[in-house]
Amino acid sequence: MKIYVLNNHWCLLAEEIGRTDTSIELSDAYVIRRWGTTRGIGQIAIHGLREETILDPLAKKTTINPREITFEMTCDDENFTPEHVAGWMADKRFGD
């Protein structure tokens, strides 16, 4: 999975399933509403979701414009799969 930081400061966590010059198709996408980290967004990419992290689910398939991306990070944690995130979400409540 990857973390996409968009020009409007939204942060998305998603699995990239396709890319062209004009669009990136994502599946299992979430808005990272609250990072819940002490060392920035990169802490999630390196160490995984934190207890304090809040994710808001998007549609099963979501498309973004690659020109809107400020930067993207591939998540390092070997357990960082769509299934892992879905299981983590099942143990959490949606938002505040």
N, C-alpha and C. Protein backbone atom coordinates (compact mmCIF):
# COMPACT_ATOMS: atom_id res chain seq x y z
N MET A 1 0.85 -1.18 0.00
CA MET A 1 0.00 0.00 0.00
C MET A 1 0.89 1.23 0.00
N LYS A 2 0.28 2.36 -0.39
CA LYS A 2 1.01 3.62 -0.44
C LYS A 2 0.23 4.70 0.32
N ILE A 3 0.98 5.69 0.76
CA ILE A 3 0.39 6.91 1.30
C ILE A 3 0.61 8.00 0.25
N TYR A 4 -0.47 8.66 -0.13
CA TYR A 4 -0.43 9.76 -1.10
C TYR A 4 -0.76 11.05 -0.36
N VAL A 5 0.14 12.03 -0.43
CA VAL A 5 -0.12 13.35 0.14
C VAL A 5 -0.48 14.25 -1.04
N LEU A 6 -1.70 14.78 -1.02
CA LEU A 6 -2.20 15.56 -2.14
C LEU A 6 -1.95 17.05 -1.93
N ASN A 7 -2.02 17.82 -3.01
CA ASN A 7 -1.76 19.26 -2.96
C ASN A 7 -2.64 19.99 -1.96
N ASN A 8 -3.85 19.50 -1.74
CA ASN A 8 -4.76 20.16 -0.81
C ASN A 8 -4.57 19.67 0.62
N HIS A 9 -3.47 18.96 0.86
CA HIS A 9 -3.06 18.46 2.19
C HIS A 9 -3.84 17.24 2.66
N TRP A 10 -4.68 16.68 1.82
CA TRP A 10 -5.34 15.43 2.18
C TRP A 10 -4.30 14.33 2.08
N CYS A 11 -4.39 13.34 2.96
CA CYS A 11 -3.51 12.18 2.93
C CYS A 11 -4.37 10.94 2.72
N LEU A 12 -4.01 10.14 1.73
CA LEU A 12 -4.75 8.93 1.41
C LEU A 12 -3.85 7.72 1.64
N LEU A 13 -4.45 6.64 2.11
CA LEU A 13 -3.79 5.35 2.21
C LEU A 13 -4.54 4.43 1.26
N ALA A 14 -3.84 3.80 0.31
CA ALA A 14 -4.54 3.00 -0.70
C ALA A 14 -3.60 2.05 -1.40
N GLU A 15 -4.21 1.10 -2.09
CA GLU A 15 -3.50 0.18 -2.97
C GLU A 15 -3.64 0.72 -4.38
N GLU A 16 -2.52 0.96 -5.07
CA GLU A 16 -2.57 1.45 -6.44
C GLU A 16 -2.78 0.27 -7.38
N ILE A 17 -3.80 0.39 -8.24
CA ILE A 17 -4.09 -0.71 -9.16
C ILE A 17 -3.92 -0.32 -10.63
N GLY A 18 -3.66 0.96 -10.90
CA GLY A 18 -3.43 1.39 -12.27
C GLY A 18 -2.99 2.84 -12.33
N ARG A 19 -2.17 3.16 -13.34
CA ARG A 19 -1.68 4.54 -13.46
C ARG A 19 -1.51 4.88 -14.93
N THR A 20 -2.00 6.07 -15.29
CA THR A 20 -1.77 6.64 -16.61
C THR A 20 -1.23 8.05 -16.39
N ASP A 21 -1.02 8.79 -17.46
CA ASP A 21 -0.56 10.18 -17.33
C ASP A 21 -1.61 11.07 -16.67
N THR A 22 -2.88 10.68 -16.76
CA THR A 22 -3.95 11.55 -16.28
C THR A 22 -4.71 11.02 -15.08
N SER A 23 -4.48 9.77 -14.66
CA SER A 23 -5.23 9.26 -13.51
C SER A 23 -4.47 8.12 -12.82
N ILE A 24 -4.74 7.99 -11.55
CA ILE A 24 -4.25 6.87 -10.76
C ILE A 24 -5.47 6.21 -10.15
N GLU A 25 -5.65 4.93 -10.44
CA GLU A 25 -6.78 4.20 -9.89
C GLU A 25 -6.34 3.50 -8.62
N LEU A 26 -7.13 3.71 -7.56
CA LEU A 26 -6.82 3.16 -6.24
C LEU A 26 -7.93 2.22 -5.80
N SER A 27 -7.58 1.23 -5.02
CA SER A 27 -8.58 0.39 -4.37
C SER A 27 -8.30 0.39 -2.87
N ASP A 28 -9.31 0.02 -2.10
CA ASP A 28 -9.17 -0.04 -0.64
C ASP A 28 -8.58 1.26 -0.09
N ALA A 29 -9.15 2.39 -0.51
CA ALA A 29 -8.61 3.70 -0.16
C ALA A 29 -9.25 4.27 1.10
N TYR A 30 -8.43 4.99 1.86
CA TYR A 30 -8.88 5.66 3.09
C TYR A 30 -8.27 7.04 3.14
N VAL A 31 -8.99 8.01 3.69
CA VAL A 31 -8.43 9.30 4.06
C VAL A 31 -7.83 9.11 5.45
N ILE A 32 -6.59 9.53 5.63
CA ILE A 32 -5.99 9.49 6.96
C ILE A 32 -6.39 10.80 7.65
N ARG A 33 -7.46 10.73 8.45
CA ARG A 33 -7.97 11.93 9.10
C ARG A 33 -7.07 12.36 10.25
N ARG A 34 -6.62 11.40 11.03
CA ARG A 34 -5.71 11.70 12.14
C ARG A 34 -4.55 10.72 12.07
N TRP A 35 -3.33 11.25 11.99
CA TRP A 35 -2.17 10.39 11.89
C TRP A 35 -1.95 9.60 13.18
N GLY A 36 -2.06 10.27 14.32
CA GLY A 36 -1.82 9.60 15.60
C GLY A 36 -0.36 9.26 15.82
N THR A 37 0.53 10.03 15.22
CA THR A 37 1.96 9.76 15.34
C THR A 37 2.66 10.84 16.15
N THR A 38 3.89 10.54 16.53
CA THR A 38 4.73 11.54 17.20
C THR A 38 5.85 12.01 16.28
N ARG A 39 6.00 11.34 15.12
CA ARG A 39 7.10 11.66 14.20
C ARG A 39 6.62 11.87 12.76
N GLY A 40 5.38 12.32 12.60
CA GLY A 40 4.89 12.65 11.27
C GLY A 40 4.31 11.46 10.51
N ILE A 41 3.88 11.74 9.30
CA ILE A 41 3.18 10.75 8.47
C ILE A 41 4.09 9.59 8.09
N GLY A 42 5.39 9.84 7.98
CA GLY A 42 6.33 8.78 7.64
C GLY A 42 6.35 7.66 8.66
N GLN A 43 6.02 7.97 9.91
CA GLN A 43 5.97 6.94 10.96
C GLN A 43 4.96 5.86 10.61
N ILE A 44 3.84 6.25 9.99
CA ILE A 44 2.85 5.25 9.57
C ILE A 44 3.41 4.40 8.44
N ALA A 45 4.08 5.02 7.47
CA ALA A 45 4.64 4.28 6.34
C ALA A 45 5.70 3.27 6.80
N ILE A 46 6.47 3.63 7.83
CA ILE A 46 7.55 2.77 8.30
C ILE A 46 7.08 1.73 9.30
N HIS A 47 6.24 2.15 10.27
CA HIS A 47 5.89 1.28 11.39
C HIS A 47 4.44 0.81 11.40
N GLY A 48 3.63 1.30 10.49
CA GLY A 48 2.23 0.87 10.45
C GLY A 48 1.30 1.81 11.21
N LEU A 49 0.03 1.44 11.18
CA LEU A 49 -1.01 2.26 11.80
C LEU A 49 -0.84 2.30 13.32
N ARG A 50 -1.12 3.44 13.90
CA ARG A 50 -1.00 3.64 15.34
C ARG A 50 -2.39 3.50 15.97
N GLU A 51 -2.42 3.27 17.25
CA GLU A 51 -3.69 3.16 17.97
C GLU A 51 -4.53 4.42 17.79
N GLU A 52 -3.87 5.58 17.73
CA GLU A 52 -4.58 6.87 17.64
C GLU A 52 -4.93 7.27 16.21
N THR A 53 -4.49 6.51 15.22
CA THR A 53 -4.78 6.83 13.82
C THR A 53 -6.27 6.69 13.56
N ILE A 54 -6.82 7.62 12.79
CA ILE A 54 -8.22 7.52 12.35
C ILE A 54 -8.24 7.53 10.83
N LEU A 55 -8.86 6.49 10.27
CA LEU A 55 -9.03 6.37 8.82
C LEU A 55 -10.51 6.48 8.48
N ASP A 56 -10.80 7.19 7.39
CA ASP A 56 -12.15 7.28 6.86
C ASP A 56 -12.18 6.58 5.51
N PRO A 57 -12.98 5.52 5.37
CA PRO A 57 -12.99 4.76 4.12
C PRO A 57 -13.58 5.54 2.96
N LEU A 58 -13.03 5.29 1.77
CA LEU A 58 -13.56 5.85 0.53
C LEU A 58 -14.23 4.71 -0.24
N ALA A 59 -14.65 4.99 -1.45
CA ALA A 59 -15.28 3.97 -2.29
C ALA A 59 -14.28 2.85 -2.57
N LYS A 60 -14.79 1.68 -2.92
CA LYS A 60 -13.93 0.53 -3.20
C LYS A 60 -12.88 0.88 -4.25
N LYS A 61 -13.28 1.65 -5.29
CA LYS A 61 -12.33 2.14 -6.28
C LYS A 61 -12.41 3.66 -6.32
N THR A 62 -11.25 4.29 -6.25
CA THR A 62 -11.15 5.75 -6.23
C THR A 62 -10.10 6.15 -7.26
N THR A 63 -10.33 7.26 -7.95
CA THR A 63 -9.38 7.76 -8.94
C THR A 63 -8.90 9.14 -8.52
N ILE A 64 -7.59 9.35 -8.61
CA ILE A 64 -7.02 10.67 -8.34
C ILE A 64 -6.18 11.11 -9.53
N ASN A 65 -5.99 12.42 -9.64
CA ASN A 65 -5.18 13.00 -10.70
C ASN A 65 -3.73 13.03 -10.23
N PRO A 66 -2.78 12.45 -10.98
CA PRO A 66 -1.40 12.44 -10.51
C PRO A 66 -0.78 13.82 -10.35
N ARG A 67 -1.35 14.82 -11.02
CA ARG A 67 -0.84 16.20 -10.86
C ARG A 67 -1.19 16.79 -9.49
N GLU A 68 -2.11 16.14 -8.78
CA GLU A 68 -2.51 16.62 -7.45
C GLU A 68 -1.66 16.04 -6.33
N ILE A 69 -0.71 15.17 -6.67
CA ILE A 69 0.12 14.52 -5.65
C ILE A 69 1.35 15.35 -5.34
N THR A 70 1.52 15.68 -4.07
CA THR A 70 2.74 16.36 -3.62
C THR A 70 3.86 15.34 -3.50
N PHE A 71 3.59 14.23 -2.82
CA PHE A 71 4.53 13.10 -2.78
C PHE A 71 3.78 11.85 -2.37
N GLU A 72 4.43 10.71 -2.57
CA GLU A 72 3.84 9.42 -2.20
C GLU A 72 4.91 8.56 -1.55
N MET A 73 4.47 7.69 -0.64
CA MET A 73 5.38 6.79 0.08
C MET A 73 4.84 5.38 0.00
N THR A 74 5.71 4.43 -0.28
CA THR A 74 5.33 3.03 -0.20
C THR A 74 5.50 2.58 1.25
N CYS A 75 4.48 1.95 1.79
CA CYS A 75 4.52 1.52 3.18
C CYS A 75 5.48 0.35 3.33
N ASP A 76 6.36 0.42 4.33
CA ASP A 76 7.41 -0.57 4.52
C ASP A 76 6.95 -1.83 5.24
N ASP A 77 6.01 -1.69 6.14
CA ASP A 77 5.60 -2.82 6.98
C ASP A 77 5.08 -3.96 6.11
N GLU A 78 5.65 -5.16 6.28
CA GLU A 78 5.23 -6.30 5.45
C GLU A 78 3.79 -6.71 5.69
N ASN A 79 3.21 -6.29 6.82
CA ASN A 79 1.81 -6.60 7.10
C ASN A 79 0.87 -5.51 6.59
N PHE A 80 1.41 -4.52 5.89
CA PHE A 80 0.61 -3.39 5.42
C PHE A 80 -0.05 -3.76 4.10
N THR A 81 -1.10 -4.57 4.18
CA THR A 81 -1.86 -5.01 3.01
C THR A 81 -3.29 -4.52 3.16
N PRO A 82 -4.06 -4.50 2.08
CA PRO A 82 -5.47 -4.11 2.22
C PRO A 82 -6.21 -4.97 3.26
N GLU A 83 -5.87 -6.25 3.34
CA GLU A 83 -6.53 -7.14 4.30
C GLU A 83 -6.16 -6.77 5.74
N HIS A 84 -4.88 -6.42 5.94
CA HIS A 84 -4.43 -6.00 7.27
C HIS A 84 -5.14 -4.73 7.71
N VAL A 85 -5.23 -3.76 6.81
CA VAL A 85 -5.89 -2.49 7.15
C VAL A 85 -7.38 -2.72 7.40
N ALA A 86 -8.02 -3.57 6.60
CA ALA A 86 -9.45 -3.87 6.81
C ALA A 86 -9.67 -4.52 8.17
N GLY A 87 -8.78 -5.42 8.56
CA GLY A 87 -8.88 -6.04 9.88
C GLY A 87 -8.67 -5.03 10.99
N TRP A 88 -7.72 -4.13 10.80
CA TRP A 88 -7.46 -3.08 11.78
C TRP A 88 -8.70 -2.19 11.91
N MET A 89 -9.32 -1.86 10.77
CA MET A 89 -10.52 -1.02 10.78
C MET A 89 -11.68 -1.74 11.49
N ALA A 90 -11.78 -3.04 11.32
CA ALA A 90 -12.87 -3.79 11.95
C ALA A 90 -12.78 -3.71 13.47
N ASP A 91 -11.57 -3.53 13.98
CA ASP A 91 -11.37 -3.42 15.43
C ASP A 91 -11.55 -2.00 15.95
N LYS A 92 -11.74 -1.04 15.04
CA LYS A 92 -11.86 0.37 15.43
C LYS A 92 -13.27 0.85 15.11
N ARG A 93 -13.63 1.96 15.71
CA ARG A 93 -14.88 2.61 15.32
C ARG A 93 -14.56 3.66 14.27
N PHE A 94 -15.53 4.02 13.44
CA PHE A 94 -15.30 5.02 12.41
C PHE A 94 -15.35 6.41 13.00
N GLY A 95 -14.19 7.04 13.08
CA GLY A 95 -14.10 8.45 13.45
C GLY A 95 -14.59 8.78 14.83
N ASP A 96 -14.76 10.07 15.03
CA ASP A 96 -15.20 10.59 16.34
C ASP A 96 -16.70 10.77 16.37
